[in-house]
Amino acid sequence: MNINLGAPYEAIIAKYIKKGYAGSKTEVLRQALRVYDDFEDVELKPRRMGKEERRLVAKAVEHEMKGIREGTEKGIPWEEVKKKYNL
């Protein structure tokens, strides 16, 4: 199979090969498909967050972690999160 993904996707593939996560383009794509298939198993639809969304999420997490460290916020046990969201 010969697929032209375009420069942005080729760059992503090259990045993962350079980091050593995969040895070839085919391996990167196989791993990506396995991950994508896993999302279906937990009924999540994957999407890529934009930079602003990532920044806001990171800021919110840091705010919550600061509260937990200072004792002004209470964390939620992982078991409770799994139960609440059927994970």
PDB file of N, CA and C in Angstrom:
ATOM      1  N   MET A   1       0.847  -1.164   0.000  1.00  0.00           N
ATOM      2  CA  MET A   1       0.000   0.000   0.000  1.00  0.00           C
ATOM      3  C   MET A   1       0.897   1.232   0.000  1.00  0.00           C
ATOM      4  N   ASN A   2       0.607   2.175  -0.846  1.00  0.00           N
ATOM      5  CA  ASN A   2       1.371   3.403  -0.926  1.00  0.00           C
ATOM      6  C   ASN A   2       0.437   4.565  -0.610  1.00  0.00           C
ATOM      7  N   ILE A   3       0.753   5.310   0.451  1.00  0.00           N
ATOM      8  CA  ILE A   3      -0.108   6.402   0.893  1.00  0.00           C
ATOM      9  C   ILE A   3       0.713   7.676   0.991  1.00  0.00           C
ATOM     10  N   ASN A   4       0.163   8.768   0.453  1.00  0.00           N
ATOM     11  CA  ASN A   4       0.801  10.067   0.586  1.00  0.00           C
ATOM     12  C   ASN A   4       0.089  10.815   1.710  1.00  0.00           C
ATOM     13  N   LEU A   5       0.732  10.935   2.847  1.00  0.00           N
ATOM     14  CA  LEU A   5       0.118  11.572   4.013  1.00  0.00           C
ATOM     15  C   LEU A   5       0.305  13.072   4.027  1.00  0.00           C
ATOM     16  N   GLY A   6       1.307  13.561   3.364  1.00  0.00           N
ATOM     17  CA  GLY A   6       1.590  14.983   3.386  1.00  0.00           C
ATOM     18  C   GLY A   6       2.669  15.308   4.408  1.00  0.00           C
ATOM     19  N   ALA A   7       3.290  16.459   4.221  1.00  0.00           N
ATOM     20  CA  ALA A   7       4.445  16.850   5.031  1.00  0.00           C
ATOM     21  C   ALA A   7       4.193  16.876   6.537  1.00  0.00           C
ATOM     22  N   PRO A   8       3.053  17.436   7.007  1.00  0.00           N
ATOM     23  CA  PRO A   8       2.865  17.478   8.470  1.00  0.00           C
ATOM     24  C   PRO A   8       2.845  16.090   9.103  1.00  0.00           C
ATOM     25  N   TYR A   9       2.198  15.142   8.462  1.00  0.00           N
ATOM     26  CA  TYR A   9       2.110  13.791   9.017  1.00  0.00           C
ATOM     27  C   TYR A   9       3.421  13.039   8.858  1.00  0.00           C
ATOM     28  N   GLU A  10       4.111  13.284   7.762  1.00  0.00           N
ATOM     29  CA  GLU A  10       5.428  12.678   7.579  1.00  0.00           C
ATOM     30  C   GLU A  10       6.384  13.160   8.674  1.00  0.00           C
ATOM     31  N   ALA A  11       6.265  14.432   9.051  1.00  0.00           N
ATOM     32  CA  ALA A  11       7.119  14.981  10.115  1.00  0.00           C
ATOM     33  C   ALA A  11       6.812  14.324  11.456  1.00  0.00           C
ATOM     34  N   ILE A  12       5.545  14.089  11.723  1.00  0.00           N
ATOM     35  CA  ILE A  12       5.155  13.415  12.972  1.00  0.00           C
ATOM     36  C   ILE A  12       5.739  12.007  13.003  1.00  0.00           C
ATOM     37  N   ILE A  13       5.604  11.297  11.893  1.00  0.00           N
ATOM     38  CA  ILE A  13       6.129   9.934  11.803  1.00  0.00           C
ATOM     39  C   ILE A  13       7.643   9.945  12.004  1.00  0.00           C
ATOM     40  N   ALA A  14       8.315  10.876  11.342  1.00  0.00           N
ATOM     41  CA  ALA A  14       9.777  10.965  11.465  1.00  0.00           C
ATOM     42  C   ALA A  14      10.189  11.253  12.905  1.00  0.00           C
ATOM     43  N   LYS A  15       9.403  12.080  13.596  1.00  0.00           N
ATOM     44  CA  LYS A  15       9.710  12.411  14.992  1.00  0.00           C
ATOM     45  C   LYS A  15       9.685  11.156  15.862  1.00  0.00           C
ATOM     46  N   TYR A  16       8.684  10.298  15.670  1.00  0.00           N
ATOM     47  CA  TYR A  16       8.578   9.100  16.496  1.00  0.00           C
ATOM     48  C   TYR A  16       9.647   8.068  16.150  1.00  0.00           C
ATOM     49  N   ILE A  17      10.041   8.026  14.901  1.00  0.00           N
ATOM     50  CA  ILE A  17      11.143   7.138  14.527  1.00  0.00           C
ATOM     51  C   ILE A  17      12.443   7.654  15.143  1.00  0.00           C
ATOM     52  N   LYS A  18      12.671   8.972  15.073  1.00  0.00           N
ATOM     53  CA  LYS A  18      13.890   9.572  15.632  1.00  0.00           C
ATOM     54  C   LYS A  18      13.975   9.345  17.142  1.00  0.00           C
ATOM     55  N   LYS A  19      12.825   9.408  17.836  1.00  0.00           N
ATOM     56  CA  LYS A  19      12.811   9.189  19.283  1.00  0.00           C
ATOM     57  C   LYS A  19      12.986   7.721  19.649  1.00  0.00           C
ATOM     58  N   GLY A  20      12.910   6.845  18.640  1.00  0.00           N
ATOM     59  CA  GLY A  20      13.111   5.426  18.893  1.00  0.00           C
ATOM     60  C   GLY A  20      11.854   4.664  19.267  1.00  0.00           C
ATOM     61  N   TYR A  21      10.689   5.297  19.125  1.00  0.00           N
ATOM     62  CA  TYR A  21       9.433   4.621  19.458  1.00  0.00           C
ATOM     63  C   TYR A  21       9.055   3.580  18.409  1.00  0.00           C
ATOM     64  N   ALA A  22       9.600   3.734  17.222  1.00  0.00           N
ATOM     65  CA  ALA A  22       9.319   2.789  16.139  1.00  0.00           C
ATOM     66  C   ALA A  22      10.523   2.788  15.208  1.00  0.00           C
ATOM     67  N   GLY A  23      10.642   1.705  14.441  1.00  0.00           N
ATOM     68  CA  GLY A  23      11.780   1.588  13.536  1.00  0.00           C
ATOM     69  C   GLY A  23      11.477   1.930  12.098  1.00  0.00           C
ATOM     70  N   SER A  24      10.193   2.107  11.790  1.00  0.00           N
ATOM     71  CA  SER A  24       9.828   2.397  10.409  1.00  0.00           C
ATOM     72  C   SER A  24       8.497   3.143  10.366  1.00  0.00           C
ATOM     73  N   LYS A  25       8.188   3.699   9.207  1.00  0.00           N
ATOM     74  CA  LYS A  25       6.908   4.387   9.033  1.00  0.00           C
ATOM     75  C   LYS A  25       5.746   3.417   9.249  1.00  0.00           C
ATOM     76  N   THR A  26       5.899   2.221   8.732  1.00  0.00           N
ATOM     77  CA  THR A  26       4.844   1.213   8.877  1.00  0.00           C
ATOM     78  C   THR A  26       4.575   0.912  10.349  1.00  0.00           C
ATOM     79  N   GLU A  27       5.638   0.789  11.125  1.00  0.00           N
ATOM     80  CA  GLU A  27       5.484   0.498  12.546  1.00  0.00           C
ATOM     81  C   GLU A  27       4.778   1.646  13.273  1.00  0.00           C
ATOM     82  N   VAL A  28       5.125   2.881  12.929  1.00  0.00           N
ATOM     83  CA  VAL A  28       4.452   4.040  13.540  1.00  0.00           C
ATOM     84  C   VAL A  28       2.956   3.985  13.232  1.00  0.00           C
ATOM     85  N   LEU A  29       2.615   3.728  11.994  1.00  0.00           N
ATOM     86  CA  LEU A  29       1.198   3.688  11.610  1.00  0.00           C
ATOM     87  C   LEU A  29       0.465   2.528  12.279  1.00  0.00           C
ATOM     88  N   ARG A  30       1.109   1.385  12.407  1.00  0.00           N
ATOM     89  CA  ARG A  30       0.477   0.255  13.097  1.00  0.00           C
ATOM     90  C   ARG A  30       0.197   0.595  14.560  1.00  0.00           C
ATOM     91  N   GLN A  31       1.189   1.215  15.218  1.00  0.00           N
ATOM     92  CA  GLN A  31       1.001   1.607  16.615  1.00  0.00           C
ATOM     93  C   GLN A  31      -0.123   2.626  16.739  1.00  0.00           C
ATOM     94  N   ALA A  32      -0.167   3.581  15.833  1.00  0.00           N
ATOM     95  CA  ALA A  32      -1.217   4.609  15.867  1.00  0.00           C
ATOM     96  C   ALA A  32      -2.594   3.976  15.692  1.00  0.00           C
ATOM     97  N   LEU A  33      -2.705   3.014  14.804  1.00  0.00           N
ATOM     98  CA  LEU A  33      -3.990   2.349  14.585  1.00  0.00           C
ATOM     99  C   LEU A  33      -4.412   1.543  15.805  1.00  0.00           C
ATOM    100  N   ARG A  34      -3.432   0.899  16.477  1.00  0.00           N
ATOM    101  CA  ARG A  34      -3.772   0.168  17.704  1.00  0.00           C
ATOM    102  C   ARG A  34      -4.286   1.124  18.778  1.00  0.00           C
ATOM    103  N   VAL A  35      -3.633   2.268  18.931  1.00  0.00           N
ATOM    104  CA  VAL A  35      -4.083   3.259  19.917  1.00  0.00           C
ATOM    105  C   VAL A  35      -5.474   3.764  19.547  1.00  0.00           C
ATOM    106  N   TYR A  36      -5.671   4.074  18.288  1.00  0.00           N
ATOM    107  CA  TYR A  36      -6.970   4.557  17.823  1.00  0.00           C
ATOM    108  C   TYR A  36      -8.050   3.515  18.085  1.00  0.00           C
ATOM    109  N   ASP A  37      -7.729   2.259  17.856  1.00  0.00           N
ATOM    110  CA  ASP A  37      -8.685   1.180  18.093  1.00  0.00           C
ATOM    111  C   ASP A  37      -9.011   1.056  19.579  1.00  0.00           C
ATOM    112  N   ASP A  38      -8.020   1.300  20.448  1.00  0.00           N
ATOM    113  CA  ASP A  38      -8.264   1.266  21.893  1.00  0.00           C
ATOM    114  C   ASP A  38      -9.276   2.318  22.314  1.00  0.00           C
ATOM    115  N   PHE A  39      -9.277   3.469  21.669  1.00  0.00           N
ATOM    116  CA  PHE A  39     -10.243   4.508  22.003  1.00  0.00           C
ATOM    117  C   PHE A  39     -11.666   4.008  21.804  1.00  0.00           C
ATOM    118  N   GLU A  40     -11.889   3.216  20.782  1.00  0.00           N
ATOM    119  CA  GLU A  40     -13.222   2.670  20.525  1.00  0.00           C
ATOM    120  C   GLU A  40     -13.664   1.769  21.673  1.00  0.00           C
ATOM    121  N   ASP A  41     -12.716   1.030  22.259  1.00  0.00           N
ATOM    122  CA  ASP A  41     -13.045   0.126  23.348  1.00  0.00           C
ATOM    123  C   ASP A  41     -13.572   0.860  24.573  1.00  0.00           C
ATOM    124  N   VAL A  42     -13.133   2.084  24.800  1.00  0.00           N
ATOM    125  CA  VAL A  42     -13.602   2.842  25.962  1.00  0.00           C
ATOM    126  C   VAL A  42     -14.593   3.937  25.550  1.00  0.00           C
ATOM    127  N   GLU A  43     -15.044   3.856  24.314  1.00  0.00           N
ATOM    128  CA  GLU A  43     -16.052   4.765  23.770  1.00  0.00           C
ATOM    129  C   GLU A  43     -15.661   6.229  23.881  1.00  0.00           C
ATOM    130  N   LEU A  44     -14.395   6.521  23.568  1.00  0.00           N
ATOM    131  CA  LEU A  44     -13.917   7.897  23.510  1.00  0.00           C
ATOM    132  C   LEU A  44     -13.605   8.223  22.062  1.00  0.00           C
ATOM    133  N   LYS A  45     -13.838   9.446  21.694  1.00  0.00           N
ATOM    134  CA  LYS A  45     -13.475   9.870  20.353  1.00  0.00           C
ATOM    135  C   LYS A  45     -12.242  10.757  20.468  1.00  0.00           C
ATOM    136  N   PRO A  46     -11.107  10.263  19.967  1.00  0.00           N
ATOM    137  CA  PRO A  46      -9.879  11.045  20.100  1.00  0.00           C
ATOM    138  C   PRO A  46      -9.929  12.307  19.261  1.00  0.00           C
ATOM    139  N   ARG A  47      -9.363  13.355  19.802  1.00  0.00           N
ATOM    140  CA  ARG A  47      -9.188  14.575  19.033  1.00  0.00           C
ATOM    141  C   ARG A  47      -7.979  15.293  19.593  1.00  0.00           C
ATOM    142  N   ARG A  48      -7.411  16.086  18.789  1.00  0.00           N
ATOM    143  CA  ARG A  48      -6.192  16.785  19.175  1.00  0.00           C
ATOM    144  C   ARG A  48      -6.567  18.125  19.795  1.00  0.00           C
ATOM    145  N   MET A  49      -6.042  18.380  20.990  1.00  0.00           N
ATOM    146  CA  MET A  49      -6.276  19.671  21.631  1.00  0.00           C
ATOM    147  C   MET A  49      -5.379  20.719  21.002  1.00  0.00           C
ATOM    148  N   GLY A  50      -5.906  21.910  20.887  1.00  0.00           N
ATOM    149  CA  GLY A  50      -5.109  23.028  20.404  1.00  0.00           C
ATOM    150  C   GLY A  50      -4.174  23.526  21.496  1.00  0.00           C
ATOM    151  N   LYS A  51      -3.242  24.374  21.113  1.00  0.00           N
ATOM    152  CA  LYS A  51      -2.259  24.890  22.070  1.00  0.00           C
ATOM    153  C   LYS A  51      -2.936  25.636  23.214  1.00  0.00           C
ATOM    154  N   GLU A  52      -3.957  26.426  22.900  1.00  0.00           N
ATOM    155  CA  GLU A  52      -4.643  27.192  23.940  1.00  0.00           C
ATOM    156  C   GLU A  52      -5.354  26.266  24.919  1.00  0.00           C
ATOM    157  N   GLU A  53      -5.986  25.208  24.404  1.00  0.00           N
ATOM    158  CA  GLU A  53      -6.644  24.231  25.281  1.00  0.00           C
ATOM    159  C   GLU A  53      -5.627  23.555  26.204  1.00  0.00           C
ATOM    160  N   ARG A  54      -4.493  23.149  25.634  1.00  0.00           N
ATOM    161  CA  ARG A  54      -3.449  22.509  26.446  1.00  0.00           C
ATOM    162  C   ARG A  54      -2.934  23.455  27.523  1.00  0.00           C
ATOM    163  N   ARG A  55      -2.766  24.723  27.165  1.00  0.00           N
ATOM    164  CA  ARG A  55      -2.288  25.711  28.127  1.00  0.00           C
ATOM    165  C   ARG A  55      -3.294  25.870  29.263  1.00  0.00           C
ATOM    166  N   LEU A  56      -4.575  25.950  28.914  1.00  0.00           N
ATOM    167  CA  LEU A  56      -5.601  26.111  29.943  1.00  0.00           C
ATOM    168  C   LEU A  56      -5.713  24.883  30.843  1.00  0.00           C
ATOM    169  N   VAL A  57      -5.612  23.695  30.243  1.00  0.00           N
ATOM    170  CA  VAL A  57      -5.668  22.465  31.043  1.00  0.00           C
ATOM    171  C   VAL A  57      -4.478  22.412  31.986  1.00  0.00           C
ATOM    172  N   ALA A  58      -3.295  22.730  31.482  1.00  0.00           N
ATOM    173  CA  ALA A  58      -2.096  22.716  32.325  1.00  0.00           C
ATOM    174  C   ALA A  58      -2.229  23.718  33.469  1.00  0.00           C
ATOM    175  N   LYS A  59      -2.776  24.884  33.171  1.00  0.00           N
ATOM    176  CA  LYS A  59      -2.963  25.912  34.203  1.00  0.00           C
ATOM    177  C   LYS A  59      -3.956  25.429  35.262  1.00  0.00           C
ATOM    178  N   ALA A  60      -5.046  24.797  34.829  1.00  0.00           N
ATOM    179  CA  ALA A  60      -6.047  24.292  35.775  1.00  0.00           C
ATOM    180  C   ALA A  60      -5.468  23.178  36.644  1.00  0.00           C
ATOM    181  N   VAL A  61      -4.694  22.286  36.036  1.00  0.00           N
ATOM    182  CA  VAL A  61      -4.078  21.191  36.794  1.00  0.00           C
ATOM    183  C   VAL A  61      -3.109  21.755  37.822  1.00  0.00           C
ATOM    184  N   GLU A  62      -2.296  22.728  37.409  1.00  0.00           N
ATOM    185  CA  GLU A  62      -1.341  23.332  38.346  1.00  0.00           C
ATOM    186  C   GLU A  62      -2.077  24.007  39.497  1.00  0.00           C
ATOM    187  N   HIS A  63      -3.173  24.680  39.200  1.00  0.00           N
ATOM    188  CA  HIS A  63      -3.970  25.327  40.250  1.00  0.00           C
ATOM    189  C   HIS A  63      -4.490  24.297  41.244  1.00  0.00           C
ATOM    190  N   GLU A  64      -5.035  23.195  40.735  1.00  0.00           N
ATOM    191  CA  GLU A  64      -5.558  22.141  41.610  1.00  0.00           C
ATOM    192  C   GLU A  64      -4.445  21.492  42.430  1.00  0.00           C
ATOM    193  N   MET A  65      -3.297  21.224  41.788  1.00  0.00           N
ATOM    194  CA  MET A  65      -2.182  20.603  42.502  1.00  0.00           C
ATOM    195  C   MET A  65      -1.655  21.527  43.600  1.00  0.00           C
ATOM    196  N   LYS A  66      -1.616  22.820  43.332  1.00  0.00           N
ATOM    197  CA  LYS A  66      -1.185  23.776  44.351  1.00  0.00           C
ATOM    198  C   LYS A  66      -2.125  23.706  45.559  1.00  0.00           C
ATOM    199  N   GLY A  67      -3.431  23.655  45.288  1.00  0.00           N
ATOM    200  CA  GLY A  67      -4.403  23.545  46.376  1.00  0.00           C
ATOM    201  C   GLY A  67      -4.239  22.262  47.170  1.00  0.00           C
ATOM    202  N   ILE A  68      -3.953  21.167  46.486  1.00  0.00           N
ATOM    203  CA  ILE A  68      -3.745  19.886  47.172  1.00  0.00           C
ATOM    204  C   ILE A  68      -2.490  19.959  48.036  1.00  0.00           C
ATOM    205  N   ARG A  69      -1.393  20.514  47.479  1.00  0.00           N
ATOM    206  CA  ARG A  69      -0.145  20.638  48.251  1.00  0.00           C
ATOM    207  C   ARG A  69      -0.333  21.521  49.479  1.00  0.00           C
ATOM    208  N   GLU A  70      -1.116  22.585  49.333  1.00  0.00           N
ATOM    209  CA  GLU A  70      -1.322  23.524  50.448  1.00  0.00           C
ATOM    210  C   GLU A  70      -2.404  23.062  51.412  1.00  0.00           C
ATOM    211  N   GLY A  71      -3.121  22.005  51.032  1.00  0.00           N
ATOM    212  CA  GLY A  71      -4.167  21.482  51.903  1.00  0.00           C
ATOM    213  C   GLY A  71      -5.502  22.194  51.782  1.00  0.00           C
ATOM    214  N   THR A  72      -5.639  23.073  50.794  1.00  0.00           N
ATOM    215  CA  THR A  72      -6.914  23.779  50.614  1.00  0.00           C
ATOM    216  C   THR A  72      -7.858  23.040  49.669  1.00  0.00           C
ATOM    217  N   GLU A  73      -7.337  22.064  48.943  1.00  0.00           N
ATOM    218  CA  GLU A  73      -8.139  21.243  48.034  1.00  0.00           C
ATOM    219  C   GLU A  73      -7.945  19.778  48.388  1.00  0.00           C
ATOM    220  N   LYS A  74      -8.972  18.987  48.148  1.00  0.00           N
ATOM    221  CA  LYS A  74      -8.902  17.557  48.417  1.00  0.00           C
ATOM    222  C   LYS A  74      -8.851  16.814  47.089  1.00  0.00           C
ATOM    223  N   GLY A  75      -7.908  15.902  46.964  1.00  0.00           N
ATOM    224  CA  GLY A  75      -7.824  15.093  45.761  1.00  0.00           C
ATOM    225  C   GLY A  75      -8.913  14.031  45.738  1.00  0.00           C
ATOM    226  N   ILE A  76      -9.141  13.457  44.571  1.00  0.00           N
ATOM    227  CA  ILE A  76     -10.128  12.387  44.414  1.00  0.00           C
ATOM    228  C   ILE A  76      -9.368  11.093  44.172  1.00  0.00           C
ATOM    229  N   PRO A  77      -9.612  10.055  44.966  1.00  0.00           N
ATOM    230  CA  PRO A  77      -8.923   8.774  44.752  1.00  0.00           C
ATOM    231  C   PRO A  77      -9.213   8.207  43.364  1.00  0.00           C
ATOM    232  N   TRP A  78      -8.195   7.611  42.755  1.00  0.00           N
ATOM    233  CA  TRP A  78      -8.311   7.040  41.422  1.00  0.00           C
ATOM    234  C   TRP A  78      -9.453   6.023  41.350  1.00  0.00           C
ATOM    235  N   GLU A  79      -9.617   5.214  42.362  1.00  0.00           N
ATOM    236  CA  GLU A  79     -10.692   4.214  42.364  1.00  0.00           C
ATOM    237  C   GLU A  79     -12.064   4.882  42.246  1.00  0.00           C
ATOM    238  N   GLU A  80     -12.214   6.033  42.882  1.00  0.00           N
ATOM    239  CA  GLU A  80     -13.488   6.757  42.806  1.00  0.00           C
ATOM    240  C   GLU A  80     -13.724   7.308  41.401  1.00  0.00           C
ATOM    241  N   VAL A  81     -12.664   7.796  40.779  1.00  0.00           N
ATOM    242  CA  VAL A  81     -12.766   8.309  39.400  1.00  0.00           C
ATOM    243  C   VAL A  81     -13.150   7.174  38.451  1.00  0.00           C
ATOM    244  N   LYS A  82     -12.478   6.013  38.602  1.00  0.00           N
ATOM    245  CA  LYS A  82     -12.783   4.864  37.736  1.00  0.00           C
ATOM    246  C   LYS A  82     -14.236   4.438  37.890  1.00  0.00           C
ATOM    247  N   LYS A  83     -14.715   4.414  39.122  1.00  0.00           N
ATOM    248  CA  LYS A  83     -16.090   3.992  39.368  1.00  0.00           C
ATOM    249  C   LYS A  83     -17.076   5.004  38.764  1.00  0.00           C
ATOM    250  N   LYS A  84     -16.810   6.285  38.977  1.00  0.00           N
ATOM    251  CA  LYS A  84     -17.711   7.331  38.500  1.00  0.00           C
ATOM    252  C   LYS A  84     -17.834   7.312  36.976  1.00  0.00           C
ATOM    253  N   TYR A  85     -16.722   7.056  36.273  1.00  0.00           N
ATOM    254  CA  TYR A  85     -16.702   7.106  34.820  1.00  0.00           C
ATOM    255  C   TYR A  85     -16.653   5.722  34.166  1.00  0.00           C
ATOM    256  N   ASN A  86     -16.943   4.692  34.961  1.00  0.00           N
ATOM    257  CA  ASN A  86     -16.973   3.307  34.438  1.00  0.00           C
ATOM    258  C   ASN A  86     -15.706   2.949  33.666  1.00  0.00           C
ATOM    259  N   LEU A  87     -14.567   3.232  34.272  1.00  0.00           N
ATOM    260  CA  LEU A  87     -13.286   2.924  33.603  1.00  0.00           C
ATOM    261  C   LEU A  87     -12.756   1.577  34.054  1.00  0.00           C
TER     262      LEU A  87
END
